[in-house]
Amino acid sequence: MKYELFLFPRLENGNVLWTCDNCGNTGDVSASKTRAVALYCVCTNSVHPECNTEWYCKGLYHDKELKKKYKDE
């Protein structure tokens, strides 16, 4: 299986800088274990980036092979 996953940069304070893949809105997200975040955005009233929702909703973050592939640097 192949999954697309957006990894966002960490800020100096350790938070993640999320960017909407549709409109470019940004947000400062407190997420200590991952850089793969997906937030609800008002631009389409849905979650962006959509591909990251599977990471959480289908529990893919528990998959050991994916964890190894997308491990935080």
PDB file of N, CA and C in Angstrom:
ATOM      1  N   MET A   1       0.820  -1.182   0.000  1.00  0.00           N
ATOM      2  CA  MET A   1       0.000   0.000   0.000  1.00  0.00           C
ATOM      3  C   MET A   1       0.865   1.246   0.000  1.00  0.00           C
ATOM      4  N   LYS A   2       0.397   2.252  -0.703  1.00  0.00           N
ATOM      5  CA  LYS A   2       1.132   3.510  -0.753  1.00  0.00           C
ATOM      6  C   LYS A   2       0.246   4.615  -0.185  1.00  0.00           C
ATOM      7  N   TYR A   3       0.765   5.353   0.768  1.00  0.00           N
ATOM      8  CA  TYR A   3       0.027   6.443   1.375  1.00  0.00           C
ATOM      9  C   TYR A   3       0.808   7.728   1.198  1.00  0.00           C
ATOM     10  N   GLU A   4       0.111   8.773   0.783  1.00  0.00           N
ATOM     11  CA  GLU A   4       0.715  10.094   0.731  1.00  0.00           C
ATOM     12  C   GLU A   4       0.541  10.715   2.107  1.00  0.00           C
ATOM     13  N   LEU A   5       1.556  11.352   2.601  1.00  0.00           N
ATOM     14  CA  LEU A   5       1.505  11.952   3.927  1.00  0.00           C
ATOM     15  C   LEU A   5       2.271  13.265   3.888  1.00  0.00           C
ATOM     16  N   PHE A   6       1.659  14.336   4.350  1.00  0.00           N
ATOM     17  CA  PHE A   6       2.329  15.630   4.420  1.00  0.00           C
ATOM     18  C   PHE A   6       2.992  15.757   5.780  1.00  0.00           C
ATOM     19  N   LEU A   7       4.284  15.994   5.791  1.00  0.00           N
ATOM     20  CA  LEU A   7       5.004  16.262   7.040  1.00  0.00           C
ATOM     21  C   LEU A   7       5.325  17.748   7.073  1.00  0.00           C
ATOM     22  N   PHE A   8       4.876  18.417   8.120  1.00  0.00           N
ATOM     23  CA  PHE A   8       5.049  19.850   8.227  1.00  0.00           C
ATOM     24  C   PHE A   8       6.254  20.180   9.108  1.00  0.00           C
ATOM     25  N   PRO A   9       6.849  21.372   8.912  1.00  0.00           N
ATOM     26  CA  PRO A   9       8.032  21.757   9.692  1.00  0.00           C
ATOM     27  C   PRO A   9       7.690  22.057  11.145  1.00  0.00           C
ATOM     28  N   ARG A  10       8.669  21.834  12.003  1.00  0.00           N
ATOM     29  CA  ARG A  10       8.532  22.196  13.418  1.00  0.00           C
ATOM     30  C   ARG A  10       9.032  23.620  13.614  1.00  0.00           C
ATOM     31  N   LEU A  11       8.375  24.321  14.500  1.00  0.00           N
ATOM     32  CA  LEU A  11       8.802  25.663  14.886  1.00  0.00           C
ATOM     33  C   LEU A  11       9.806  25.557  16.025  1.00  0.00           C
ATOM     34  N   GLU A  12      10.443  26.656  16.368  1.00  0.00           N
ATOM     35  CA  GLU A  12      11.439  26.651  17.441  1.00  0.00           C
ATOM     36  C   GLU A  12      10.856  26.189  18.771  1.00  0.00           C
ATOM     37  N   ASN A  13       9.564  26.451  19.001  1.00  0.00           N
ATOM     38  CA  ASN A  13       8.930  26.060  20.262  1.00  0.00           C
ATOM     39  C   ASN A  13       8.489  24.588  20.264  1.00  0.00           C
ATOM     40  N   GLY A  14       8.754  23.858  19.173  1.00  0.00           N
ATOM     41  CA  GLY A  14       8.401  22.445  19.095  1.00  0.00           C
ATOM     42  C   GLY A  14       7.052  22.179  18.462  1.00  0.00           C
ATOM     43  N   ASN A  15       6.259  23.225  18.257  1.00  0.00           N
ATOM     44  CA  ASN A  15       4.963  23.049  17.608  1.00  0.00           C
ATOM     45  C   ASN A  15       5.150  22.824  16.110  1.00  0.00           C
ATOM     46  N   VAL A  16       4.086  22.391  15.464  1.00  0.00           N
ATOM     47  CA  VAL A  16       4.116  22.120  14.030  1.00  0.00           C
ATOM     48  C   VAL A  16       3.428  23.273  13.303  1.00  0.00           C
ATOM     49  N   LEU A  17       4.011  23.715  12.192  1.00  0.00           N
ATOM     50  CA  LEU A  17       3.400  24.757  11.383  1.00  0.00           C
ATOM     51  C   LEU A  17       2.586  24.093  10.280  1.00  0.00           C
ATOM     52  N   TRP A  18       1.268  23.998  10.492  1.00  0.00           N
ATOM     53  CA  TRP A  18       0.348  23.404   9.524  1.00  0.00           C
ATOM     54  C   TRP A  18       0.021  24.424   8.448  1.00  0.00           C
ATOM     55  N   THR A  19      -0.109  23.952   7.203  1.00  0.00           N
ATOM     56  CA  THR A  19      -0.550  24.791   6.090  1.00  0.00           C
ATOM     57  C   THR A  19      -1.636  24.055   5.331  1.00  0.00           C
ATOM     58  N   CYS A  20      -2.753  24.734   5.062  1.00  0.00           N
ATOM     59  CA  CYS A  20      -3.839  24.136   4.293  1.00  0.00           C
ATOM     60  C   CYS A  20      -3.366  23.904   2.864  1.00  0.00           C
ATOM     61  N   ASP A  21      -3.584  22.698   2.347  1.00  0.00           N
ATOM     62  CA  ASP A  21      -3.152  22.396   0.983  1.00  0.00           C
ATOM     63  C   ASP A  21      -4.105  22.976  -0.055  1.00  0.00           C
ATOM     64  N   ASN A  22      -5.185  23.606   0.386  1.00  0.00           N
ATOM     65  CA  ASN A  22      -6.143  24.196  -0.551  1.00  0.00           C
ATOM     66  C   ASN A  22      -5.997  25.711  -0.644  1.00  0.00           C
ATOM     67  N   CYS A  23      -5.971  26.394   0.508  1.00  0.00           N
ATOM     68  CA  CYS A  23      -5.983  27.867   0.479  1.00  0.00           C
ATOM     69  C   CYS A  23      -4.711  28.512   1.016  1.00  0.00           C
ATOM     70  N   GLY A  24      -3.868  27.741   1.687  1.00  0.00           N
ATOM     71  CA  GLY A  24      -2.629  28.303   2.219  1.00  0.00           C
ATOM     72  C   GLY A  24      -2.730  28.864   3.623  1.00  0.00           C
ATOM     73  N   ASN A  25      -3.900  28.795   4.266  1.00  0.00           N
ATOM     74  CA  ASN A  25      -4.005  29.200   5.671  1.00  0.00           C
ATOM     75  C   ASN A  25      -2.993  28.424   6.492  1.00  0.00           C
ATOM     76  N   THR A  26      -2.497  29.039   7.562  1.00  0.00           N
ATOM     77  CA  THR A  26      -1.525  28.364   8.417  1.00  0.00           C
ATOM     78  C   THR A  26      -2.031  28.307   9.846  1.00  0.00           C
ATOM     79  N   GLY A  27      -1.450  27.406  10.613  1.00  0.00           N
ATOM     80  CA  GLY A  27      -1.800  27.282  12.018  1.00  0.00           C
ATOM     81  C   GLY A  27      -0.646  26.687  12.793  1.00  0.00           C
ATOM     82  N   ASP A  28      -0.525  27.095  14.023  1.00  0.00           N
ATOM     83  CA  ASP A  28       0.502  26.621  14.941  1.00  0.00           C
ATOM     84  C   ASP A  28      -0.127  25.489  15.753  1.00  0.00           C
ATOM     85  N   VAL A  29       0.364  24.262  15.573  1.00  0.00           N
ATOM     86  CA  VAL A  29      -0.256  23.086  16.173  1.00  0.00           C
ATOM     87  C   VAL A  29       0.674  22.472  17.209  1.00  0.00           C
ATOM     88  N   SER A  30       0.156  22.217  18.395  1.00  0.00           N
ATOM     89  CA  SER A  30       0.923  21.542  19.426  1.00  0.00           C
ATOM     90  C   SER A  30       0.783  20.030  19.214  1.00  0.00           C
ATOM     91  N   ALA A  31       1.834  19.409  18.681  1.00  0.00           N
ATOM     92  CA  ALA A  31       1.808  17.967  18.392  1.00  0.00           C
ATOM     93  C   ALA A  31       3.194  17.409  18.658  1.00  0.00           C
ATOM     94  N   SER A  32       3.350  16.727  19.771  1.00  0.00           N
ATOM     95  CA  SER A  32       4.688  16.291  20.163  1.00  0.00           C
ATOM     96  C   SER A  32       5.157  15.022  19.464  1.00  0.00           C
ATOM     97  N   LYS A  33       4.245  14.180  18.981  1.00  0.00           N
ATOM     98  CA  LYS A  33       4.644  12.874  18.451  1.00  0.00           C
ATOM     99  C   LYS A  33       4.659  12.797  16.928  1.00  0.00           C
ATOM    100  N   THR A  34       4.143  13.802  16.238  1.00  0.00           N
ATOM    101  CA  THR A  34       4.059  13.709  14.782  1.00  0.00           C
ATOM    102  C   THR A  34       4.120  15.080  14.135  1.00  0.00           C
ATOM    103  N   ARG A  35       4.489  15.083  12.866  1.00  0.00           N
ATOM    104  CA  ARG A  35       4.424  16.299  12.062  1.00  0.00           C
ATOM    105  C   ARG A  35       3.381  16.137  10.959  1.00  0.00           C
ATOM    106  N   ALA A  36       2.610  15.064  11.011  1.00  0.00           N
ATOM    107  CA  ALA A  36       1.565  14.784  10.024  1.00  0.00           C
ATOM    108  C   ALA A  36       0.225  15.205  10.597  1.00  0.00           C
ATOM    109  N   VAL A  37      -0.116  16.477  10.420  1.00  0.00           N
ATOM    110  CA  VAL A  37      -1.351  16.990  10.994  1.00  0.00           C
ATOM    111  C   VAL A  37      -2.357  17.313   9.892  1.00  0.00           C
ATOM    112  N   ALA A  38      -3.637  17.305  10.234  1.00  0.00           N
ATOM    113  CA  ALA A  38      -4.711  17.681   9.325  1.00  0.00           C
ATOM    114  C   ALA A  38      -5.740  18.443  10.144  1.00  0.00           C
ATOM    115  N   LEU A  39      -6.035  19.661   9.734  1.00  0.00           N
ATOM    116  CA  LEU A  39      -6.969  20.504  10.463  1.00  0.00           C
ATOM    117  C   LEU A  39      -8.155  20.884   9.597  1.00  0.00           C
ATOM    118  N   TYR A  40      -9.281  21.137  10.245  1.00  0.00           N
ATOM    119  CA  TYR A  40     -10.482  21.623   9.585  1.00  0.00           C
ATOM    120  C   TYR A  40     -10.216  23.045   9.118  1.00  0.00           C
ATOM    121  N   CYS A  41     -10.506  23.328   7.851  1.00  0.00           N
ATOM    122  CA  CYS A  41     -10.300  24.678   7.325  1.00  0.00           C
ATOM    123  C   CYS A  41     -11.617  25.208   6.766  1.00  0.00           C
ATOM    124  N   VAL A  42     -11.847  26.504   6.982  1.00  0.00           N
ATOM    125  CA  VAL A  42     -13.089  27.121   6.533  1.00  0.00           C
ATOM    126  C   VAL A  42     -13.146  27.318   5.022  1.00  0.00           C
ATOM    127  N   CYS A  43     -12.025  27.145   4.325  1.00  0.00           N
ATOM    128  CA  CYS A  43     -12.033  27.386   2.884  1.00  0.00           C
ATOM    129  C   CYS A  43     -12.964  26.418   2.150  1.00  0.00           C
ATOM    130  N   THR A  44     -13.052  25.179   2.611  1.00  0.00           N
ATOM    131  CA  THR A  44     -13.957  24.196   2.004  1.00  0.00           C
ATOM    132  C   THR A  44     -14.812  23.490   3.053  1.00  0.00           C
ATOM    133  N   ASN A  45     -14.707  23.940   4.301  1.00  0.00           N
ATOM    134  CA  ASN A  45     -15.411  23.304   5.412  1.00  0.00           C
ATOM    135  C   ASN A  45     -15.078  21.816   5.504  1.00  0.00           C
ATOM    136  N   SER A  46     -13.800  21.492   5.312  1.00  0.00           N
ATOM    137  CA  SER A  46     -13.342  20.105   5.420  1.00  0.00           C
ATOM    138  C   SER A  46     -11.897  20.079   5.915  1.00  0.00           C
ATOM    139  N   VAL A  47     -11.395  18.887   6.142  1.00  0.00           N
ATOM    140  CA  VAL A  47     -10.055  18.700   6.696  1.00  0.00           C
ATOM    141  C   VAL A  47      -9.008  18.769   5.581  1.00  0.00           C
ATOM    142  N   HIS A  48      -7.916  19.474   5.871  1.00  0.00           N
ATOM    143  CA  HIS A  48      -6.790  19.576   4.924  1.00  0.00           C
ATOM    144  C   HIS A  48      -5.475  19.402   5.663  1.00  0.00           C
ATOM    145  N   PRO A  49      -4.486  18.735   5.119  1.00  0.00           N
ATOM    146  CA  PRO A  49      -4.577  17.995   3.871  1.00  0.00           C
ATOM    147  C   PRO A  49      -5.400  16.720   4.058  1.00  0.00           C
ATOM    148  N   GLU A  50      -6.233  16.411   3.094  1.00  0.00           N
ATOM    149  CA  GLU A  50      -7.122  15.257   3.202  1.00  0.00           C
ATOM    150  C   GLU A  50      -6.359  13.957   3.388  1.00  0.00           C
ATOM    151  N   CYS A  51      -5.209  13.832   2.749  1.00  0.00           N
ATOM    152  CA  CYS A  51      -4.455  12.571   2.846  1.00  0.00           C
ATOM    153  C   CYS A  51      -3.996  12.281   4.276  1.00  0.00           C
ATOM    154  N   ASN A  52      -3.788  13.319   5.091  1.00  0.00           N
ATOM    155  CA  ASN A  52      -3.352  13.089   6.466  1.00  0.00           C
ATOM    156  C   ASN A  52      -4.471  12.570   7.357  1.00  0.00           C
ATOM    157  N   THR A  53      -5.730  12.707   6.945  1.00  0.00           N
ATOM    158  CA  THR A  53      -6.822  12.231   7.796  1.00  0.00           C
ATOM    159  C   THR A  53      -6.767  10.712   7.946  1.00  0.00           C
ATOM    160  N   GLU A  54      -6.306   9.997   6.930  1.00  0.00           N
ATOM    161  CA  GLU A  54      -6.188   8.546   7.036  1.00  0.00           C
ATOM    162  C   GLU A  54      -5.164   8.155   8.097  1.00  0.00           C
ATOM    163  N   TRP A  55      -4.146   8.974   8.252  1.00  0.00           N
ATOM    164  CA  TRP A  55      -3.099   8.716   9.250  1.00  0.00           C
ATOM    165  C   TRP A  55      -3.719   8.545  10.634  1.00  0.00           C
ATOM    166  N   TYR A  56      -4.740   9.358  10.938  1.00  0.00           N
ATOM    167  CA  TYR A  56      -5.426   9.296  12.228  1.00  0.00           C
ATOM    168  C   TYR A  56      -6.676   8.432  12.192  1.00  0.00           C
ATOM    169  N   CYS A  57      -7.570   8.677  11.238  1.00  0.00           N
ATOM    170  CA  CYS A  57      -8.878   8.023  11.229  1.00  0.00           C
ATOM    171  C   CYS A  57      -8.795   6.521  11.003  1.00  0.00           C
ATOM    172  N   LYS A  58      -7.815   6.067  10.251  1.00  0.00           N
ATOM    173  CA  LYS A  58      -7.663   4.635  10.020  1.00  0.00           C
ATOM    174  C   LYS A  58      -6.585   4.027  10.913  1.00  0.00           C
ATOM    175  N   GLY A  59      -6.022   4.837  11.810  1.00  0.00           N
ATOM    176  CA  GLY A  59      -5.040   4.324  12.758  1.00  0.00           C
ATOM    177  C   GLY A  59      -3.705   3.951  12.141  1.00  0.00           C
ATOM    178  N   LEU A  60      -3.365   4.552  10.997  1.00  0.00           N
ATOM    179  CA  LEU A  60      -2.111   4.196  10.328  1.00  0.00           C
ATOM    180  C   LEU A  60      -0.887   4.599  11.140  1.00  0.00           C
ATOM    181  N   TYR A  61      -1.043   5.532  12.076  1.00  0.00           N
ATOM    182  CA  TYR A  61       0.090   5.938  12.902  1.00  0.00           C
ATOM    183  C   TYR A  61       0.554   4.809  13.817  1.00  0.00           C
ATOM    184  N   HIS A  62      -0.251   3.740  13.954  1.00  0.00           N
ATOM    185  CA  HIS A  62       0.162   2.579  14.742  1.00  0.00           C
ATOM    186  C   HIS A  62       0.970   1.578  13.910  1.00  0.00           C
ATOM    187  N   ASP A  63       0.959   1.711  12.589  1.00  0.00           N
ATOM    188  CA  ASP A  63       1.650   0.785  11.700  1.00  0.00           C
ATOM    189  C   ASP A  63       3.162   0.953  11.840  1.00  0.00           C
ATOM    190  N   LYS A  64       3.845  -0.089  12.255  1.00  0.00           N
ATOM    191  CA  LYS A  64       5.282   0.008  12.530  1.00  0.00           C
ATOM    192  C   LYS A  64       6.098   0.353  11.293  1.00  0.00           C
ATOM    193  N   GLU A  65       5.727  -0.186  10.128  1.00  0.00           N
ATOM    194  CA  GLU A  65       6.463   0.117   8.902  1.00  0.00           C
ATOM    195  C   GLU A  65       6.300   1.589   8.522  1.00  0.00           C
ATOM    196  N   LEU A  66       5.088   2.118   8.646  1.00  0.00           N
ATOM    197  CA  LEU A  66       4.876   3.519   8.327  1.00  0.00           C
ATOM    198  C   LEU A  66       5.577   4.413   9.338  1.00  0.00           C
ATOM    199  N   LYS A  67       5.563   4.020  10.606  1.00  0.00           N
ATOM    200  CA  LYS A  67       6.263   4.804  11.627  1.00  0.00           C
ATOM    201  C   LYS A  67       7.745   4.911  11.272  1.00  0.00           C
ATOM    202  N   LYS A  68       8.316   3.792  10.847  1.00  0.00           N
ATOM    203  CA  LYS A  68       9.727   3.770  10.494  1.00  0.00           C
ATOM    204  C   LYS A  68       9.989   4.702   9.314  1.00  0.00           C
ATOM    205  N   LYS A  69       9.088   4.664   8.313  1.00  0.00           N
ATOM    206  CA  LYS A  69       9.244   5.467   7.109  1.00  0.00           C
ATOM    207  C   LYS A  69       9.099   6.959   7.394  1.00  0.00           C
ATOM    208  N   TYR A  70       8.140   7.314   8.252  1.00  0.00           N
ATOM    209  CA  TYR A  70       7.827   8.721   8.497  1.00  0.00           C
ATOM    210  C   TYR A  70       8.287   9.195   9.867  1.00  0.00           C
ATOM    211  N   LYS A  71       9.290   8.557  10.416  1.00  0.00           N
ATOM    212  CA  LYS A  71       9.773   8.914  11.755  1.00  0.00           C
ATOM    213  C   LYS A  71      10.226  10.379  11.788  1.00  0.00           C
ATOM    214  N   ASP A  72       9.867  11.079  12.871  1.00  0.00           N
ATOM    215  CA  ASP A  72      10.313  12.469  13.043  1.00  0.00           C
ATOM    216  C   ASP A  72      11.828  12.522  13.063  1.00  0.00           C
ATOM    217  N   GLU A  73      12.342  13.538  12.445  1.00  0.00           N
ATOM    218  CA  GLU A  73      13.802  13.700  12.396  1.00  0.00           C
ATOM    219  C   GLU A  73      14.303  14.466  13.596  1.00  0.00           C
TER     220      GLU A  73
END
